[in-house]
Amino acid sequence: MRALIISVNFGKPDYQAHAEEFEMLAKGAGAEVVATVMAKRDKPDAAYFIGSGKLEEAVLLAQSSDVDIILFDQALSPAQQRNLERAFNLRVVDRVALILDIFALRAKSHEGKLQVELAQLQHLMTRLTRMWTHLERQRGGIGMRGPGEAQLEMDKRMIGDKVKVLRERLSKVERQRTTQRRSRARGGTMSVSLVGYTNAGKSTLFNALTRAGAYAADQLFATLDTTTRRIWIEGAGQVVVSDTVGFIRDLPTTLIAAFKATLEETVQADLLLHVIDASSPQRDEQILEVNKVLEEIGAKDIPCILVYNKIDAVGYEPKIERNEEGRIVRVFVSALDRTGLDGLRGAIAEAKEKIGNNVASLKNI
């Protein structure tokens, strides 16, 4: 599908990284990016997000480039989206909808599909409600006594009912996870979750540690479903390792809410391995974004080791770094070359050793 990207620069220092990331998202969704329009603004235009002059330029470029879809690198209000679609006479997909679309494309497990569907319906519900508010205010009258309001209420009710069913199903999945975690805790099994920015190499590292064969690719959101494997680590015994969904700038809050059951694995972990792409020029910003989401889901106080991955791409040597108290805080590895993994296993064992077999109190180290 031929796409035109509209990117808006509000003067933030990370604009270029944000724009490149959105292009990766577009390609990950299967779009062929044939043209890009960049607009500079101090604040969004209420009607079109971009100004009327830039909109005119974009419409002409879309026509001359024969594009099929407009991809907008910001979250649009329902009114802005509707106005843009009228101007282009094409479908307009904003950042939130694009991320949701990729999640729908990549979700494989029953749980993952339920979570994506819930997020999509919640997104649709807000748009449906706002899209029709001008009709609701009029409460009948000429031209308003027909099926318009009734159809809206039916749509709302149907979506609301579906959301309720999905939440109940996900709640059941969450209860099953809780039971499994309690069983692991009773057996003294340590729980380790891999977290990190999308495309940092979490799945490759997970495969290297567990020999699991989980799907790994050089693309955003290659992993959506939590994969869990049990491994033996010298000095730590049985360890349950979980690979989780990657984080990204401006991750839609509906997705964070919908993926609560998946992220629950992170919240309940005894130790987090925060996987970082050592070769990324934006790695510091990415670390901040991940920390922001960890705080949002209630996982910021869980012990964490920073794992700098892809050291083969920047010529670093495998090593371990400790803080003033002697605790391991950073481990440098290459999941692709499988270098530095012994150091990482040792760091996991050391983390458990600090509290003996009582992994439940690992959060206090």
Foldseek 3Di string as FASTA:
>chain_A
DEEEEEAECLPDPCRVVLVVQVVLLCVLLPYDYDYYQYAYDNFADQQARGDPVSLVVVLVVCVVSVGQEYEYAADDALRNQVNSCVSNVHHYHYPQRSVLSSQCVQDDDPLSNLLSVLLVLVVVLNSLCVVCVVLVVVPDDVPNPDCPVVVSVVSNVVSVVSNVVSVVVLVVVLVVVVVVVVVCLVVLAAEEEEAFAFQLCLVLLVCLVAVPPDDDDNGGFNDAAKDWDWDQFVLRGIYIYIYHTYFDPCNDPSSLVSCLSRCVSQQQHQEYEYRFALPDPCRVVRVVRRLVSCVVSNNNLRHYAYEHEPCVVVVDAWDWDADPVRQTRYTYYYSVVSPRVNVVSVNVSVLCVVPPSNSNCSSVD
